[in-house]
PDB file of N, CA and C in Angstrom:
ATOM      1  N   MET A   1      -3.775   9.337   7.217  1.00  0.00           N
ATOM      2  CA  MET A   1      -2.185   9.602   6.956  1.00  0.00           C
ATOM      3  C   MET A   1      -2.475   9.131   5.334  1.00  0.00           C
ATOM      4  N   ASN A   2      -1.754   9.865   4.721  1.00  0.00           N
ATOM      5  CA  ASN A   2      -1.420   9.723   2.867  1.00  0.00           C
ATOM      6  C   ASN A   2      -0.449   8.992   2.799  1.00  0.00           C
ATOM      7  N   ILE A   3      -0.424   7.946   1.712  1.00  0.00           N
ATOM      8  CA  ILE A   3       0.482   6.836   1.197  1.00  0.00           C
ATOM      9  C   ILE A   3       0.493   6.946  -0.307  1.00  0.00           C
ATOM     10  N   ASP A   4       1.727   7.384  -0.525  1.00  0.00           N
ATOM     11  CA  ASP A   4       1.622   7.514  -2.296  1.00  0.00           C
ATOM     12  C   ASP A   4       1.496   5.859  -2.757  1.00  0.00           C
ATOM     13  N   LYS A   5       0.607   6.248  -3.870  1.00  0.00           N
ATOM     14  CA  LYS A   5       0.286   4.694  -4.600  1.00  0.00           C
ATOM     15  C   LYS A   5       1.468   3.405  -5.216  1.00  0.00           C
ATOM     16  N   SER A   6       2.911   4.245  -5.521  1.00  0.00           N
ATOM     17  CA  SER A   6       3.652   3.707  -5.745  1.00  0.00           C
ATOM     18  C   SER A   6       4.525   2.766  -4.745  1.00  0.00           C
ATOM     19  N   GLN A   7       4.065   3.258  -3.852  1.00  0.00           N
ATOM     20  CA  GLN A   7       5.007   2.725  -2.746  1.00  0.00           C
ATOM     21  C   GLN A   7       4.190   1.422  -2.353  1.00  0.00           C
ATOM     22  N   ILE A   8       2.959   1.402  -2.401  1.00  0.00           N
ATOM     23  CA  ILE A   8       1.828   0.310  -2.095  1.00  0.00           C
ATOM     24  C   ILE A   8       2.375  -0.598  -3.093  1.00  0.00           C
ATOM     25  N   ILE A   9       2.240   0.078  -4.460  1.00  0.00           N
ATOM     26  CA  ILE A   9       2.462  -1.160  -5.631  1.00  0.00           C
ATOM     27  C   ILE A   9       3.888  -1.767  -5.587  1.00  0.00           C
ATOM     28  N   GLU A  10       5.053  -1.038  -5.057  1.00  0.00           N
ATOM     29  CA  GLU A  10       6.332  -1.659  -4.621  1.00  0.00           C
ATOM     30  C   GLU A  10       6.325  -2.470  -3.603  1.00  0.00           C
ATOM     31  N   LEU A  11       5.291  -2.274  -2.551  1.00  0.00           N
ATOM     32  CA  LEU A  11       5.174  -3.354  -1.383  1.00  0.00           C
ATOM     33  C   LEU A  11       4.789  -4.500  -1.982  1.00  0.00           C
ATOM     34  N   LEU A  12       3.658  -4.432  -2.882  1.00  0.00           N
ATOM     35  CA  LEU A  12       3.253  -5.633  -3.094  1.00  0.00           C
ATOM     36  C   LEU A  12       4.348  -6.634  -4.152  1.00  0.00           C
ATOM     37  N   ARG A  13       4.588  -5.927  -4.874  1.00  0.00           N
ATOM     38  CA  ARG A  13       5.736  -6.612  -5.882  1.00  0.00           C
ATOM     39  C   ARG A  13       6.879  -7.368  -5.397  1.00  0.00           C
ATOM     40  N   SER A  14       6.957  -6.428  -4.048  1.00  0.00           N
ATOM     41  CA  SER A  14       8.281  -6.979  -3.335  1.00  0.00           C
ATOM     42  C   SER A  14       7.976  -8.435  -2.856  1.00  0.00           C
ATOM     43  N   ARG A  15       6.766  -8.250  -2.202  1.00  0.00           N
ATOM     44  CA  ARG A  15       5.847  -9.559  -1.940  1.00  0.00           C
ATOM     45  C   ARG A  15       5.684 -10.997  -2.989  1.00  0.00           C
ATOM     46  N   GLY A  16       5.792 -10.210  -3.926  1.00  0.00           N
ATOM     47  CA  GLY A  16       5.758 -11.417  -5.370  1.00  0.00           C
ATOM     48  C   GLY A  16       3.826 -11.255  -5.275  1.00  0.00           C
ATOM     49  N   ASP A  17       3.418 -10.329  -4.844  1.00  0.00           N
ATOM     50  CA  ASP A  17       2.253 -10.138  -5.227  1.00  0.00           C
ATOM     51  C   ASP A  17       1.523  -9.650  -6.829  1.00  0.00           C
ATOM     52  N   GLU A  18       2.273 -10.005  -7.785  1.00  0.00           N
ATOM     53  CA  GLU A  18       1.608  -8.982  -8.867  1.00  0.00           C
ATOM     54  C   GLU A  18       0.427  -8.854  -9.303  1.00  0.00           C
ATOM     55  N   ASP A  19      -0.575  -9.706  -9.167  1.00  0.00           N
ATOM     56  CA  ASP A  19      -2.051  -9.903  -9.242  1.00  0.00           C
ATOM     57  C   ASP A  19      -2.265  -8.406  -8.342  1.00  0.00           C
ATOM     58  N   LYS A  20      -1.989  -8.628  -7.183  1.00  0.00           N
ATOM     59  CA  LYS A  20      -2.844  -7.643  -6.314  1.00  0.00           C
ATOM     60  C   LYS A  20      -1.845  -6.057  -6.825  1.00  0.00           C
ATOM     61  N   ALA A  21      -0.488  -5.813  -6.670  1.00  0.00           N
ATOM     62  CA  ALA A  21      -0.019  -4.642  -7.069  1.00  0.00           C
ATOM     63  C   ALA A  21      -1.065  -4.119  -8.776  1.00  0.00           C
ATOM     64  N   SER A  22      -1.495  -4.851  -9.758  1.00  0.00           N
ATOM     65  CA  SER A  22      -1.753  -4.674 -10.585  1.00  0.00           C
ATOM     66  C   SER A  22      -3.299  -4.285 -10.457  1.00  0.00           C
ATOM     67  N   ARG A  23      -3.772  -4.895  -9.238  1.00  0.00           N
ATOM     68  CA  ARG A  23      -5.286  -4.367  -8.902  1.00  0.00           C
ATOM     69  C   ARG A  23      -4.892  -2.767  -8.310  1.00  0.00           C
ATOM     70  N   ALA A  24      -3.880  -2.908  -7.605  1.00  0.00           N
ATOM     71  CA  ALA A  24      -3.816  -1.627  -6.839  1.00  0.00           C
ATOM     72  C   ALA A  24      -3.433  -0.539  -7.623  1.00  0.00           C
ATOM     73  N   GLU A  25      -2.624  -1.163  -8.860  1.00  0.00           N
ATOM     74  CA  GLU A  25      -2.425   0.217  -9.906  1.00  0.00           C
ATOM     75  C   GLU A  25      -3.420   0.550 -10.369  1.00  0.00           C
ATOM     76  N   SER A  26      -4.819  -0.002 -10.920  1.00  0.00           N
ATOM     77  CA  SER A  26      -6.010   0.551 -11.395  1.00  0.00           C
ATOM     78  C   SER A  26      -6.987   0.865 -10.647  1.00  0.00           C
ATOM     79  N   GLU A  27      -7.190   0.196  -9.134  1.00  0.00           N
ATOM     80  CA  GLU A  27      -7.830   0.942  -8.426  1.00  0.00           C
ATOM     81  C   GLU A  27      -7.842   2.086  -7.281  1.00  0.00           C
ATOM     82  N   LEU A  28      -6.305   2.346  -6.997  1.00  0.00           N
ATOM     83  CA  LEU A  28      -5.873   3.184  -6.244  1.00  0.00           C
ATOM     84  C   LEU A  28      -5.763   4.493  -6.449  1.00  0.00           C
ATOM     85  N   PRO A  29      -6.009   5.690  -5.664  1.00  0.00           N
ATOM     86  CA  PRO A  29      -5.910   6.837  -6.441  1.00  0.00           C
ATOM     87  C   PRO A  29      -4.064   7.258  -6.186  1.00  0.00           C
ATOM     88  N   ASP A  30      -3.647   8.131  -6.933  1.00  0.00           N
ATOM     89  CA  ASP A  30      -2.240   8.643  -6.486  1.00  0.00           C
ATOM     90  C   ASP A  30      -1.671   8.509  -5.307  1.00  0.00           C
ATOM     91  N   GLN A  31      -2.688   9.339  -4.415  1.00  0.00           N
ATOM     92  CA  GLN A  31      -2.515   9.636  -2.983  1.00  0.00           C
ATOM     93  C   GLN A  31      -3.615   9.095  -1.940  1.00  0.00           C
ATOM     94  N   VAL A  32      -3.225   7.957  -1.396  1.00  0.00           N
ATOM     95  CA  VAL A  32      -4.070   6.888  -0.641  1.00  0.00           C
ATOM     96  C   VAL A  32      -4.432   7.107   0.789  1.00  0.00           C
ATOM     97  N   ASP A  33      -5.142   7.477   0.894  1.00  0.00           N
ATOM     98  CA  ASP A  33      -5.897   8.129   2.422  1.00  0.00           C
ATOM     99  C   ASP A  33      -5.826   6.448   2.914  1.00  0.00           C
ATOM    100  N   SER A  34      -5.355   6.215   4.239  1.00  0.00           N
ATOM    101  CA  SER A  34      -5.267   5.063   4.856  1.00  0.00           C
ATOM    102  C   SER A  34      -6.263   4.527   5.660  1.00  0.00           C
ATOM    103  N   GLU A  35      -7.251   6.043   5.759  1.00  0.00           N
ATOM    104  CA  GLU A  35      -8.636   5.469   6.357  1.00  0.00           C
ATOM    105  C   GLU A  35      -9.628   5.904   5.539  1.00  0.00           C
ATOM    106  N   GLN A  36      -9.457   6.230   4.433  1.00  0.00           N
ATOM    107  CA  GLN A  36     -10.437   6.388   3.744  1.00  0.00           C
ATOM    108  C   GLN A  36     -11.126   5.121   2.863  1.00  0.00           C
ATOM    109  N   HIS A  37      -9.418   4.825   2.698  1.00  0.00           N
ATOM    110  CA  HIS A  37      -9.734   3.427   1.517  1.00  0.00           C
ATOM    111  C   HIS A  37      -8.847   2.260   2.175  1.00  0.00           C
ATOM    112  N   LYS A  38      -9.143   2.255   3.519  1.00  0.00           N
ATOM    113  CA  LYS A  38      -8.929   1.049   4.557  1.00  0.00           C
ATOM    114  C   LYS A  38      -9.242  -0.047   3.678  1.00  0.00           C
ATOM    115  N   GLY A  39     -10.492  -0.092   3.608  1.00  0.00           N
ATOM    116  CA  GLY A  39     -11.389  -1.761   2.888  1.00  0.00           C
ATOM    117  C   GLY A  39     -10.562  -2.056   1.910  1.00  0.00           C
ATOM    118  N   LEU A  40     -10.554  -1.001   0.945  1.00  0.00           N
ATOM    119  CA  LEU A  40      -9.628  -1.414  -0.573  1.00  0.00           C
ATOM    120  C   LEU A  40      -7.843  -1.999  -0.130  1.00  0.00           C
ATOM    121  N   LEU A  41      -7.418  -1.291   0.847  1.00  0.00           N
ATOM    122  CA  LEU A  41      -5.874  -1.523   1.394  1.00  0.00           C
ATOM    123  C   LEU A  41      -5.991  -3.335   1.596  1.00  0.00           C
ATOM    124  N   GLU A  42      -7.035  -3.354   2.744  1.00  0.00           N
ATOM    125  CA  GLU A  42      -7.009  -5.051   3.435  1.00  0.00           C
ATOM    126  C   GLU A  42      -8.031  -5.600   2.365  1.00  0.00           C
ATOM    127  N   SER A  43      -8.208  -5.328   1.537  1.00  0.00           N
ATOM    128  CA  SER A  43      -8.916  -6.499   0.287  1.00  0.00           C
ATOM    129  C   SER A  43      -7.490  -6.602  -0.532  1.00  0.00           C
ATOM    130  N   LEU A  44      -6.318  -5.903  -0.346  1.00  0.00           N
ATOM    131  CA  LEU A  44      -5.069  -6.159  -0.817  1.00  0.00           C
ATOM    132  C   LEU A  44      -4.431  -6.894  -0.039  1.00  0.00           C
ATOM    133  N   GLY A  45      -4.566  -7.037   1.032  1.00  0.00           N
ATOM    134  CA  GLY A  45      -3.971  -7.916   2.181  1.00  0.00           C
ATOM    135  C   GLY A  45      -3.142  -7.053   2.956  1.00  0.00           C
ATOM    136  N   LEU A  46      -3.173  -5.760   2.763  1.00  0.00           N
ATOM    137  CA  LEU A  46      -2.223  -4.859   3.629  1.00  0.00           C
ATOM    138  C   LEU A  46      -3.009  -4.289   4.689  1.00  0.00           C
ATOM    139  N   ASP A  47      -2.183  -4.418   6.044  1.00  0.00           N
ATOM    140  CA  ASP A  47      -2.817  -3.996   6.991  1.00  0.00           C
ATOM    141  C   ASP A  47      -2.290  -2.315   7.193  1.00  0.00           C
ATOM    142  N   VAL A  48      -3.264  -1.617   7.409  1.00  0.00           N
ATOM    143  CA  VAL A  48      -2.694   0.452   7.668  1.00  0.00           C
ATOM    144  C   VAL A  48      -1.936   0.131   8.758  1.00  0.00           C
ATOM    145  N   GLY A  49      -1.860  -0.279   9.697  1.00  0.00           N
ATOM    146  CA  GLY A  49      -0.963  -0.507  10.990  1.00  0.00           C
ATOM    147  C   GLY A  49       0.834  -0.812   9.979  1.00  0.00           C
ATOM    148  N   ASP A  50       0.467  -1.770   9.705  1.00  0.00           N
ATOM    149  CA  ASP A  50       1.380  -2.259   8.835  1.00  0.00           C
ATOM    150  C   ASP A  50       2.270  -1.715   7.858  1.00  0.00           C
ATOM    151  N   LEU A  51       1.477  -1.113   6.919  1.00  0.00           N
ATOM    152  CA  LEU A  51       2.165  -0.213   6.285  1.00  0.00           C
ATOM    153  C   LEU A  51       3.050   0.861   6.692  1.00  0.00           C
ATOM    154  N   THR A  52       2.581   1.409   7.833  1.00  0.00           N
ATOM    155  CA  THR A  52       3.501   2.365   8.368  1.00  0.00           C
ATOM    156  C   THR A  52       4.879   2.247   9.110  1.00  0.00           C
ATOM    157  N   SER A  53       4.919   1.171   9.593  1.00  0.00           N
ATOM    158  CA  SER A  53       6.213   0.357   9.927  1.00  0.00           C
ATOM    159  C   SER A  53       7.305  -0.309   8.428  1.00  0.00           C
ATOM    160  N   LYS A  54       6.417  -0.907   7.802  1.00  0.00           N
ATOM    161  CA  LYS A  54       7.065  -0.980   6.334  1.00  0.00           C
ATOM    162  C   LYS A  54       7.888   0.028   4.897  1.00  0.00           C
ATOM    163  N   LEU A  55       6.951   0.901   4.890  1.00  0.00           N
ATOM    164  CA  LEU A  55       7.033   1.914   3.950  1.00  0.00           C
ATOM    165  C   LEU A  55       8.163   2.958   4.474  1.00  0.00           C
ATOM    166  N   PRO A  56       9.120   3.374   3.506  1.00  0.00           N
ATOM    167  CA  PRO A  56      10.071   4.054   4.063  1.00  0.00           C
ATOM    168  C   PRO A  56       9.489   5.419   4.175  1.00  0.00           C
ATOM    169  N   GLY A  57       9.622   6.396   4.560  1.00  0.00           N
ATOM    170  CA  GLY A  57       8.965   8.124   4.427  1.00  0.00           C
ATOM    171  C   GLY A  57       7.960   8.138   5.807  1.00  0.00           C
ATOM    172  N   ILE A  58       7.429   6.813   6.511  1.00  0.00           N
ATOM    173  CA  ILE A  58       6.069   6.509   6.729  1.00  0.00           C
ATOM    174  C   ILE A  58       6.241   6.390   8.089  1.00  0.00           C
ATOM    175  N   GLY A  59       7.732   5.761   8.486  1.00  0.00           N
ATOM    176  CA  GLY A  59       8.222   5.477   9.869  1.00  0.00           C
ATOM    177  C   GLY A  59       8.264   4.252   9.923  1.00  0.00           C
ATOM    178  N   GLY A  60       8.596   3.787   8.402  1.00  0.00           N
ATOM    179  CA  GLY A  60       9.462   2.178   8.393  1.00  0.00           C
ATOM    180  C   GLY A  60      10.813   2.519   8.113  1.00  0.00           C
ATOM    181  N   LEU A  61      11.507   1.470   8.236  1.00  0.00           N
ATOM    182  CA  LEU A  61      12.876   1.582   7.702  1.00  0.00           C
ATOM    183  C   LEU A  61      13.210   0.878   6.251  1.00  0.00           C
ATOM    184  N   GLY A  62      12.048   0.613   5.932  1.00  0.00           N
ATOM    185  CA  GLY A  62      12.087  -0.005   4.426  1.00  0.00           C
ATOM    186  C   GLY A  62      11.395  -1.265   3.548  1.00  0.00           C
ATOM    187  N   LEU A  63      11.770  -1.620   3.092  1.00  0.00           N
ATOM    188  CA  LEU A  63      11.012  -3.055   2.451  1.00  0.00           C
ATOM    189  C   LEU A  63      11.489  -4.474   3.182  1.00  0.00           C
TER     190      LEU A  63
END
């Protein structure tokens, strides 16, 4: 599944993870493939299954 990088950054910032958000901004492509970038997402403290439930437009109700 593809996820827009800006949604991931917004989620990290909403959690107060400014350092991880900055890292995501510089390391992730504009469209993040959840399978291809699973390791990087996990290193940012994000679970792929969790993302689908938290991000609007991917199955979640919002932040």
